[in-house]
Amino acid sequence: MPISDLHAQAVRLLHANRYLTLGTASPEGAPWAVPVTFAWDDADHFYWWSARDARHSRNIAANPVVSLLVYDSRATDAEAQGLYGEGTAQALPPSDLAAALAVFYARRYPDPALRARKARLPGEFQGDSPKRVYRATVRTYSMLTTAPHPVHGNAVPHRIAFPFSTASVNGDTH
């Protein structure tokens, strides 16, 4: 499968899906996966907000390595595809909240009137608040390919890493 096809599918998945699956692990290596509503910017950052005492939030505080998967759960087997990402995540400091929330709410709610009703202020994610805004920085992307597996041929699907950046997502419709 040409890289241009992978890129086009990645862009489609980002625009068509409201949730990603976030994978974290405890310091002992116990895995955890959770769906989170997300937004991305043009610097390979993915944003969401969660309870600071949620298992995935505690995992990130202790072990910042994360994986992401954006996919269409309604796709048929023949259409199944996902954008996989690997990187690190952190709860954002107060100084980064305004910019992160602007990205998050602009992407989630492109209509300015709806955004004005739905958007939350930075103060709701700091201090004694139980909520925090998180940012994952993705360093490696991969997707399924139709190319034969190097060992198993066409018997099993497999993923390949490919050059992708959210900076290359043109025609951004939020």
N, C-alpha and C. Protein backbone atom coordinates (compact mmCIF):
# COMPACT_ATOMS: atom_id res chain seq x y z
N MET A 1 0.85 -1.17 0.00
CA MET A 1 0.00 0.00 0.00
C MET A 1 0.89 1.23 0.00
N PRO A 2 0.67 2.13 -0.94
CA PRO A 2 1.50 3.34 -1.01
C PRO A 2 1.35 4.21 0.24
N ILE A 3 2.41 4.91 0.58
CA ILE A 3 2.41 5.82 1.75
C ILE A 3 1.30 6.85 1.60
N SER A 4 1.05 7.32 0.38
CA SER A 4 0.00 8.33 0.19
C SER A 4 -1.37 7.78 0.60
N ASP A 5 -1.61 6.47 0.37
CA ASP A 5 -2.87 5.87 0.80
C ASP A 5 -2.95 5.80 2.33
N LEU A 6 -1.83 5.45 2.97
CA LEU A 6 -1.80 5.41 4.43
C LEU A 6 -2.07 6.80 4.99
N HIS A 7 -1.44 7.80 4.40
CA HIS A 7 -1.64 9.18 4.85
C HIS A 7 -3.11 9.57 4.71
N ALA A 8 -3.71 9.28 3.57
CA ALA A 8 -5.12 9.64 3.35
C ALA A 8 -6.02 8.94 4.36
N GLN A 9 -5.74 7.68 4.65
CA GLN A 9 -6.55 6.96 5.63
C GLN A 9 -6.36 7.54 7.03
N ALA A 10 -5.13 7.91 7.37
CA ALA A 10 -4.87 8.51 8.68
C ALA A 10 -5.65 9.81 8.83
N VAL A 11 -5.64 10.65 7.82
CA VAL A 11 -6.38 11.92 7.86
C VAL A 11 -7.87 11.65 8.02
N ARG A 12 -8.39 10.69 7.25
CA ARG A 12 -9.81 10.34 7.35
C ARG A 12 -10.16 9.89 8.77
N LEU A 13 -9.33 9.03 9.35
CA LEU A 13 -9.60 8.54 10.70
C LEU A 13 -9.59 9.67 11.72
N LEU A 14 -8.65 10.57 11.61
CA LEU A 14 -8.59 11.69 12.56
C LEU A 14 -9.85 12.55 12.48
N HIS A 15 -10.30 12.81 11.27
CA HIS A 15 -11.47 13.68 11.09
C HIS A 15 -12.78 12.98 11.42
N ALA A 16 -12.83 11.67 11.27
CA ALA A 16 -14.10 10.95 11.40
C ALA A 16 -14.38 10.42 12.80
N ASN A 17 -13.42 10.47 13.69
CA ASN A 17 -13.60 9.83 14.99
C ASN A 17 -13.47 10.81 16.14
N ARG A 18 -14.33 10.62 17.12
CA ARG A 18 -14.33 11.48 18.31
C ARG A 18 -13.50 10.90 19.44
N TYR A 19 -13.23 9.60 19.38
CA TYR A 19 -12.53 8.94 20.48
C TYR A 19 -11.27 8.24 19.97
N LEU A 20 -10.30 8.17 20.85
CA LEU A 20 -9.15 7.32 20.61
C LEU A 20 -9.03 6.38 21.80
N THR A 21 -8.36 5.27 21.59
CA THR A 21 -8.06 4.36 22.68
C THR A 21 -6.66 4.70 23.16
N LEU A 22 -6.57 5.02 24.44
CA LEU A 22 -5.31 5.38 25.07
C LEU A 22 -4.79 4.18 25.83
N GLY A 23 -3.56 3.79 25.53
CA GLY A 23 -2.93 2.69 26.25
C GLY A 23 -1.86 3.22 27.19
N THR A 24 -1.94 2.80 28.46
CA THR A 24 -0.94 3.18 29.45
C THR A 24 -0.49 1.92 30.18
N ALA A 25 0.53 2.07 30.98
CA ALA A 25 0.99 0.94 31.81
C ALA A 25 1.47 1.49 33.14
N SER A 26 1.24 0.70 34.17
CA SER A 26 1.72 1.07 35.50
C SER A 26 3.23 0.92 35.53
N PRO A 27 3.89 1.42 36.56
CA PRO A 27 5.34 1.23 36.66
C PRO A 27 5.74 -0.25 36.67
N GLU A 28 4.82 -1.10 37.12
CA GLU A 28 5.09 -2.54 37.15
C GLU A 28 4.80 -3.20 35.81
N GLY A 29 4.24 -2.44 34.86
CA GLY A 29 3.96 -2.98 33.54
C GLY A 29 2.54 -3.47 33.34
N ALA A 30 1.64 -3.24 34.30
CA ALA A 30 0.26 -3.66 34.13
C ALA A 30 -0.41 -2.76 33.08
N PRO A 31 -0.91 -3.32 31.99
CA PRO A 31 -1.50 -2.50 30.92
C PRO A 31 -2.89 -2.00 31.27
N TRP A 32 -3.26 -0.88 30.64
CA TRP A 32 -4.59 -0.32 30.80
C TRP A 32 -4.95 0.41 29.51
N ALA A 33 -6.15 0.20 29.02
CA ALA A 33 -6.63 0.90 27.83
C ALA A 33 -7.97 1.55 28.15
N VAL A 34 -8.17 2.74 27.61
CA VAL A 34 -9.38 3.50 27.90
C VAL A 34 -9.71 4.39 26.70
N PRO A 35 -11.01 4.54 26.38
CA PRO A 35 -11.37 5.50 25.34
C PRO A 35 -11.42 6.91 25.92
N VAL A 36 -10.89 7.87 25.16
CA VAL A 36 -10.98 9.28 25.56
C VAL A 36 -11.36 10.09 24.33
N THR A 37 -12.18 11.12 24.54
CA THR A 37 -12.47 12.05 23.46
C THR A 37 -11.22 12.90 23.27
N PHE A 38 -10.89 13.24 22.03
CA PHE A 38 -9.59 13.83 21.78
C PHE A 38 -9.64 14.93 20.73
N ALA A 39 -8.55 15.67 20.69
CA ALA A 39 -8.28 16.64 19.64
C ALA A 39 -6.79 16.61 19.40
N TRP A 40 -6.38 17.09 18.25
CA TRP A 40 -4.96 17.13 17.93
C TRP A 40 -4.60 18.50 17.39
N ASP A 41 -3.31 18.81 17.47
CA ASP A 41 -2.82 20.05 16.87
C ASP A 41 -1.89 19.67 15.71
N ASP A 42 -1.18 20.65 15.17
CA ASP A 42 -0.31 20.37 14.03
C ASP A 42 1.12 20.06 14.45
N ALA A 43 1.32 19.70 15.71
CA ALA A 43 2.65 19.35 16.20
C ALA A 43 2.67 17.96 16.82
N ASP A 44 1.78 17.07 16.34
CA ASP A 44 1.71 15.69 16.82
C ASP A 44 1.38 15.59 18.30
N HIS A 45 0.61 16.55 18.78
CA HIS A 45 0.10 16.51 20.15
C HIS A 45 -1.37 16.12 20.10
N PHE A 46 -1.76 15.23 20.99
CA PHE A 46 -3.14 14.82 21.15
C PHE A 46 -3.57 15.23 22.55
N TYR A 47 -4.76 15.81 22.68
CA TYR A 47 -5.24 16.37 23.95
C TYR A 47 -6.52 15.67 24.38
N TRP A 48 -6.69 15.55 25.67
CA TRP A 48 -7.93 15.08 26.28
C TRP A 48 -7.93 15.56 27.72
N TRP A 49 -9.07 15.43 28.37
CA TRP A 49 -9.08 15.72 29.81
C TRP A 49 -9.70 14.52 30.52
N SER A 50 -9.20 14.29 31.70
CA SER A 50 -9.62 13.13 32.51
C SER A 50 -9.54 13.48 33.99
N ALA A 51 -10.15 12.63 34.77
CA ALA A 51 -10.01 12.76 36.22
C ALA A 51 -8.55 12.47 36.58
N ARG A 52 -7.99 13.29 37.44
CA ARG A 52 -6.59 13.10 37.78
C ARG A 52 -6.35 11.83 38.58
N ASP A 53 -7.41 11.25 39.19
CA ASP A 53 -7.23 10.00 39.92
C ASP A 53 -7.67 8.77 39.12
N ALA A 54 -8.02 8.96 37.83
CA ALA A 54 -8.35 7.82 36.98
C ALA A 54 -7.10 6.95 36.81
N ARG A 55 -7.33 5.67 36.59
CA ARG A 55 -6.19 4.74 36.49
C ARG A 55 -5.19 5.18 35.41
N HIS A 56 -5.68 5.58 34.25
CA HIS A 56 -4.75 5.98 33.19
C HIS A 56 -4.01 7.26 33.56
N SER A 57 -4.65 8.16 34.28
CA SER A 57 -3.98 9.38 34.71
C SER A 57 -2.88 9.07 35.73
N ARG A 58 -3.18 8.18 36.65
CA ARG A 58 -2.15 7.77 37.62
C ARG A 58 -1.01 7.04 36.91
N ASN A 59 -1.34 6.22 35.91
CA ASN A 59 -0.28 5.54 35.15
C ASN A 59 0.63 6.54 34.46
N ILE A 60 0.04 7.56 33.83
CA ILE A 60 0.84 8.57 33.12
C ILE A 60 1.75 9.31 34.10
N ALA A 61 1.25 9.61 35.28
CA ALA A 61 2.07 10.31 36.28
C ALA A 61 3.29 9.48 36.66
N ALA A 62 3.14 8.16 36.68
CA ALA A 62 4.23 7.28 37.10
C ALA A 62 5.06 6.76 35.92
N ASN A 63 4.46 6.67 34.75
CA ASN A 63 5.11 6.11 33.57
C ASN A 63 4.52 6.80 32.34
N PRO A 64 5.20 7.80 31.78
CA PRO A 64 4.60 8.62 30.73
C PRO A 64 4.50 7.96 29.35
N VAL A 65 5.00 6.77 29.17
CA VAL A 65 4.94 6.11 27.87
C VAL A 65 3.50 5.68 27.58
N VAL A 66 3.00 6.07 26.38
CA VAL A 66 1.63 5.76 26.01
C VAL A 66 1.56 5.26 24.56
N SER A 67 0.43 4.64 24.26
CA SER A 67 0.10 4.32 22.88
C SER A 67 -1.30 4.86 22.61
N LEU A 68 -1.56 5.16 21.35
CA LEU A 68 -2.86 5.68 20.93
C LEU A 68 -3.35 4.86 19.75
N LEU A 69 -4.65 4.71 19.65
CA LEU A 69 -5.24 4.05 18.50
C LEU A 69 -6.52 4.78 18.14
N VAL A 70 -6.58 5.29 16.91
CA VAL A 70 -7.78 5.93 16.39
C VAL A 70 -8.31 5.00 15.30
N TYR A 71 -9.55 4.54 15.46
CA TYR A 71 -10.11 3.61 14.49
C TYR A 71 -11.62 3.74 14.45
N ASP A 72 -12.21 3.23 13.37
CA ASP A 72 -13.66 3.24 13.21
C ASP A 72 -14.18 1.88 13.64
N SER A 73 -14.85 1.82 14.77
CA SER A 73 -15.34 0.55 15.29
C SER A 73 -16.51 -0.01 14.48
N ARG A 74 -17.05 0.78 13.59
CA ARG A 74 -18.17 0.31 12.76
C ARG A 74 -17.73 -0.27 11.43
N ALA A 75 -16.44 -0.21 11.12
CA ALA A 75 -15.93 -0.69 9.84
C ALA A 75 -16.07 -2.21 9.74
N THR A 76 -16.26 -2.69 8.53
CA THR A 76 -16.29 -4.13 8.30
C THR A 76 -14.87 -4.67 8.39
N ASP A 77 -14.73 -5.98 8.46
CA ASP A 77 -13.39 -6.58 8.51
C ASP A 77 -12.55 -6.13 7.33
N ALA A 78 -13.16 -6.07 6.16
CA ALA A 78 -12.41 -5.68 4.96
C ALA A 78 -11.99 -4.21 4.98
N GLU A 79 -12.73 -3.38 5.71
CA GLU A 79 -12.44 -1.95 5.76
C GLU A 79 -11.65 -1.54 6.99
N ALA A 80 -11.44 -2.46 7.91
CA ALA A 80 -10.82 -2.12 9.20
C ALA A 80 -9.45 -1.48 9.01
N GLN A 81 -9.26 -0.38 9.71
CA GLN A 81 -7.98 0.32 9.66
C GLN A 81 -7.88 1.17 10.92
N GLY A 82 -6.68 1.38 11.39
CA GLY A 82 -6.47 2.22 12.55
C GLY A 82 -5.17 2.98 12.42
N LEU A 83 -5.15 4.15 13.01
CA LEU A 83 -3.93 4.94 13.11
C LEU A 83 -3.36 4.70 14.50
N TYR A 84 -2.19 4.08 14.56
CA TYR A 84 -1.52 3.77 15.81
C TYR A 84 -0.45 4.82 16.07
N GLY A 85 -0.31 5.21 17.33
CA GLY A 85 0.73 6.16 17.69
C GLY A 85 1.42 5.74 18.97
N GLU A 86 2.69 6.04 19.06
CA GLU A 86 3.46 5.77 20.27
C GLU A 86 4.18 7.04 20.68
N GLY A 87 4.20 7.31 21.98
CA GLY A 87 4.85 8.52 22.46
C GLY A 87 4.81 8.61 23.97
N THR A 88 4.76 9.82 24.46
CA THR A 88 4.71 10.08 25.89
C THR A 88 3.59 11.08 26.18
N ALA A 89 3.12 11.05 27.42
CA ALA A 89 2.03 11.95 27.80
C ALA A 89 2.32 12.57 29.16
N GLN A 90 1.61 13.67 29.42
CA GLN A 90 1.74 14.35 30.70
C GLN A 90 0.50 15.17 30.97
N ALA A 91 0.25 15.41 32.24
CA ALA A 91 -0.75 16.39 32.64
C ALA A 91 -0.13 17.76 32.38
N LEU A 92 -0.91 18.66 31.84
CA LEU A 92 -0.36 19.97 31.47
C LEU A 92 -0.26 20.91 32.66
N PRO A 93 0.81 21.68 32.70
CA PRO A 93 0.92 22.71 33.74
C PRO A 93 -0.05 23.85 33.42
N PRO A 94 -0.40 24.64 34.43
CA PRO A 94 -1.34 25.75 34.21
C PRO A 94 -0.94 26.67 33.06
N SER A 95 0.34 26.88 32.84
CA SER A 95 0.79 27.79 31.78
C SER A 95 0.43 27.29 30.38
N ASP A 96 0.17 26.01 30.20
CA ASP A 96 -0.16 25.46 28.89
C ASP A 96 -1.65 25.24 28.67
N LEU A 97 -2.46 25.46 29.70
CA LEU A 97 -3.87 25.10 29.62
C LEU A 97 -4.66 25.92 28.61
N ALA A 98 -4.49 27.22 28.58
CA ALA A 98 -5.30 28.05 27.69
C ALA A 98 -5.11 27.64 26.23
N ALA A 99 -3.88 27.45 25.80
CA ALA A 99 -3.61 27.06 24.41
C ALA A 99 -4.15 25.66 24.13
N ALA A 100 -3.96 24.73 25.05
CA ALA A 100 -4.44 23.37 24.85
C ALA A 100 -5.97 23.32 24.78
N LEU A 101 -6.63 24.04 25.66
CA LEU A 101 -8.09 24.06 25.65
C LEU A 101 -8.63 24.73 24.39
N ALA A 102 -7.95 25.75 23.90
CA ALA A 102 -8.37 26.39 22.65
C ALA A 102 -8.34 25.39 21.51
N VAL A 103 -7.28 24.59 21.42
CA VAL A 103 -7.19 23.55 20.39
C VAL A 103 -8.29 22.51 20.59
N PHE A 104 -8.41 22.03 21.81
CA PHE A 104 -9.37 20.97 22.10
C PHE A 104 -10.79 21.39 21.73
N TYR A 105 -11.22 22.54 22.23
CA TYR A 105 -12.61 22.93 22.00
C TYR A 105 -12.86 23.41 20.58
N ALA A 106 -11.88 23.97 19.91
CA ALA A 106 -12.06 24.35 18.50
C ALA A 106 -12.24 23.10 17.64
N ARG A 107 -11.51 22.07 17.94
CA ARG A 107 -11.62 20.83 17.16
C ARG A 107 -12.91 20.09 17.50
N ARG A 108 -13.26 20.04 18.77
CA ARG A 108 -14.46 19.29 19.19
C ARG A 108 -15.73 20.00 18.76
N TYR A 109 -15.71 21.34 18.79
CA TYR A 109 -16.92 22.12 18.51
C TYR A 109 -16.58 23.23 17.52
N PRO A 110 -16.58 22.93 16.22
CA PRO A 110 -16.21 23.95 15.23
C PRO A 110 -17.18 25.12 15.17
N ASP A 111 -18.44 24.89 15.55
CA ASP A 111 -19.40 25.98 15.55
C ASP A 111 -19.11 26.89 16.75
N PRO A 112 -18.79 28.17 16.51
CA PRO A 112 -18.42 29.06 17.61
C PRO A 112 -19.48 29.20 18.71
N ALA A 113 -20.76 29.19 18.34
CA ALA A 113 -21.81 29.32 19.36
C ALA A 113 -21.85 28.09 20.27
N LEU A 114 -21.75 26.91 19.67
CA LEU A 114 -21.72 25.68 20.46
C LEU A 114 -20.46 25.62 21.31
N ARG A 115 -19.34 26.02 20.73
CA ARG A 115 -18.07 26.04 21.48
C ARG A 115 -18.17 26.96 22.69
N ALA A 116 -18.80 28.10 22.52
CA ALA A 116 -18.94 29.05 23.63
C ALA A 116 -19.73 28.42 24.79
N ARG A 117 -20.70 27.57 24.45
CA ARG A 117 -21.48 26.90 25.50
C ARG A 117 -20.74 25.73 26.13
N LYS A 118 -19.94 25.02 25.35
CA LYS A 118 -19.31 23.78 25.81
C LYS A 118 -17.92 23.98 26.43
N ALA A 119 -17.19 24.98 25.97
CA ALA A 119 -15.80 25.16 26.40
C ALA A 119 -15.70 25.42 27.90
N ARG A 120 -14.64 24.92 28.46
CA ARG A 120 -14.35 25.10 29.89
C ARG A 120 -13.13 25.99 30.03
N LEU A 121 -13.03 26.66 31.16
CA LEU A 121 -11.92 27.58 31.43
C LEU A 121 -10.75 26.84 32.06
N PRO A 122 -9.53 27.37 31.89
CA PRO A 122 -8.35 26.72 32.48
C PRO A 122 -8.47 26.45 33.98
N GLY A 123 -9.12 27.34 34.71
CA GLY A 123 -9.25 27.15 36.16
C GLY A 123 -9.96 25.87 36.56
N GLU A 124 -10.76 25.32 35.63
CA GLU A 124 -11.48 24.08 35.92
C GLU A 124 -10.58 22.85 35.88
N PHE A 125 -9.30 23.04 35.51
CA PHE A 125 -8.38 21.92 35.36
C PHE A 125 -7.11 22.10 36.18
N GLN A 126 -7.18 22.85 37.24
CA GLN A 126 -6.00 23.06 38.07
C GLN A 126 -6.40 23.20 39.53
N GLY A 127 -5.40 23.33 40.38
CA GLY A 127 -5.67 23.48 41.80
C GLY A 127 -6.35 22.26 42.38
N ASP A 128 -7.43 22.48 43.11
CA ASP A 128 -8.16 21.39 43.76
C ASP A 128 -9.10 20.63 42.83
N SER A 129 -9.19 21.06 41.58
CA SER A 129 -10.10 20.39 40.65
C SER A 129 -9.72 18.92 40.48
N PRO A 130 -10.70 18.05 40.36
CA PRO A 130 -10.40 16.64 40.11
C PRO A 130 -10.03 16.35 38.66
N LYS A 131 -10.10 17.36 37.77
CA LYS A 131 -9.85 17.17 36.34
C LYS A 131 -8.50 17.77 35.94
N ARG A 132 -7.88 17.13 34.96
CA ARG A 132 -6.65 17.64 34.38
C ARG A 132 -6.72 17.48 32.87
N VAL A 133 -6.00 18.36 32.16
CA VAL A 133 -5.85 18.26 30.71
C VAL A 133 -4.52 17.55 30.46
N TYR A 134 -4.55 16.61 29.52
CA TYR A 134 -3.37 15.82 29.19
C TYR A 134 -2.98 16.05 27.74
N ARG A 135 -1.67 15.89 27.50
CA ARG A 135 -1.15 16.00 26.13
C ARG A 135 -0.22 14.82 25.89
N ALA A 136 -0.51 14.09 24.83
CA ALA A 136 0.41 13.05 24.37
C ALA A 136 1.16 13.60 23.17
N THR A 137 2.46 13.37 23.13
CA THR A 137 3.28 13.73 21.99
C THR A 137 3.64 12.43 21.28
N VAL A 138 3.13 12.29 20.06
CA VAL A 138 3.36 11.06 19.30
C VAL A 138 4.64 11.21 18.49
N ARG A 139 5.47 10.19 18.58
CA ARG A 139 6.74 10.18 17.87
C ARG A 139 6.77 9.19 16.71
N THR A 140 5.93 8.15 16.79
CA THR A 140 5.91 7.11 15.76
C THR A 140 4.47 6.76 15.42
N TYR A 141 4.17 6.71 14.13
CA TYR A 141 2.85 6.32 13.65
C TYR A 141 2.98 5.03 12.84
N SER A 142 1.91 4.22 12.89
CA SER A 142 1.87 3.03 12.05
C SER A 142 0.43 2.73 11.68
N MET A 143 0.27 1.93 10.62
CA MET A 143 -1.05 1.50 10.16
C MET A 143 -0.92 0.11 9.58
N LEU A 144 -2.09 -0.54 9.41
CA LEU A 144 -2.10 -1.82 8.74
C LEU A 144 -1.75 -1.62 7.28
N THR A 145 -1.11 -2.61 6.71
CA THR A 145 -0.77 -2.55 5.30
C THR A 145 -1.31 -3.78 4.60
N THR A 146 -1.59 -3.65 3.31
CA THR A 146 -2.02 -4.80 2.52
C THR A 146 -0.82 -5.54 1.95
N ALA A 147 0.37 -5.00 2.14
CA ALA A 147 1.58 -5.68 1.66
C ALA A 147 1.76 -6.99 2.42
N PRO A 148 2.30 -8.00 1.79
CA PRO A 148 2.51 -9.27 2.48
C PRO A 148 3.41 -9.13 3.71
N HIS A 149 3.08 -9.87 4.74
CA HIS A 149 3.90 -9.93 5.95
C HIS A 149 5.26 -10.49 5.57
N PRO A 150 6.37 -9.96 6.11
CA PRO A 150 7.69 -10.43 5.72
C PRO A 150 7.96 -11.91 6.01
N VAL A 151 7.26 -12.47 6.98
CA VAL A 151 7.46 -13.88 7.34
C VAL A 151 6.26 -14.73 6.93
N HIS A 152 5.05 -14.22 7.16
CA HIS A 152 3.84 -15.02 7.00
C HIS A 152 3.07 -14.74 5.71
N GLY A 153 3.61 -13.93 4.84
CA GLY A 153 2.93 -13.64 3.58
C GLY A 153 1.59 -13.00 3.81
N ASN A 154 0.58 -13.46 3.11
CA ASN A 154 -0.76 -12.90 3.22
C ASN A 154 -1.61 -13.59 4.27
N ALA A 155 -1.00 -14.46 5.09
CA ALA A 155 -1.75 -15.20 6.10
C ALA A 155 -2.22 -14.32 7.25
N VAL A 156 -1.52 -13.24 7.53
CA VAL A 156 -1.89 -12.34 8.62
C VAL A 156 -1.66 -10.89 8.21
N PRO A 157 -2.52 -9.99 8.69
CA PRO A 157 -2.26 -8.57 8.44
C PRO A 157 -1.14 -8.10 9.38
N HIS A 158 -0.52 -7.01 9.01
CA HIS A 158 0.50 -6.45 9.89
C HIS A 158 0.59 -4.94 9.70
N ARG A 159 1.21 -4.32 10.69
CA ARG A 159 1.37 -2.87 10.68
C ARG A 159 2.77 -2.51 10.18
N ILE A 160 2.84 -1.33 9.59
CA ILE A 160 4.13 -0.77 9.23
C ILE A 160 4.19 0.67 9.74
N ALA A 161 5.35 1.06 10.19
CA ALA A 161 5.57 2.46 10.54
C ALA A 161 5.64 3.25 9.24
N PHE A 162 5.12 4.47 9.27
CA PHE A 162 5.19 5.30 8.07
C PHE A 162 5.36 6.75 8.49
N PRO A 163 5.95 7.56 7.62
CA PRO A 163 6.15 8.96 7.96
C PRO A 163 4.82 9.71 7.94
N PHE A 164 4.45 10.22 9.09
CA PHE A 164 3.20 10.96 9.21
C PHE A 164 3.38 12.01 10.29
N SER A 165 2.72 13.12 10.11
CA SER A 165 2.68 14.16 11.13
C SER A 165 1.34 14.85 11.01
N THR A 166 0.79 15.22 12.16
CA THR A 166 -0.47 15.96 12.12
C THR A 166 -0.30 17.32 11.46
N ALA A 167 0.93 17.79 11.31
CA ALA A 167 1.19 19.04 10.58
C ALA A 167 0.82 18.88 9.11
N SER A 168 0.77 17.65 8.62
CA SER A 168 0.47 17.41 7.21
C SER A 168 -1.00 17.17 6.95
N VAL A 169 -1.84 17.34 7.97
CA VAL A 169 -3.28 17.12 7.79
C VAL A 169 -3.88 18.38 7.17
N ASN A 170 -3.98 18.36 5.85
CA ASN A 170 -4.53 19.51 5.10
C ASN A 170 -6.03 19.38 4.98
N GLY A 171 -6.68 20.44 4.64
CA GLY A 171 -8.12 20.42 4.48
C GLY A 171 -8.80 20.21 5.82
N ASP A 172 -8.19 20.74 6.86
CA ASP A 172 -8.66 20.56 8.23
C ASP A 172 -10.05 21.16 8.36
N THR A 173 -11.01 20.30 8.69
CA THR A 173 -12.38 20.77 8.87
C THR A 173 -12.81 20.76 10.32
N HIS A 174 -11.86 20.53 11.21
CA HIS A 174 -12.12 20.41 12.64
C HIS A 174 -13.09 19.30 12.81
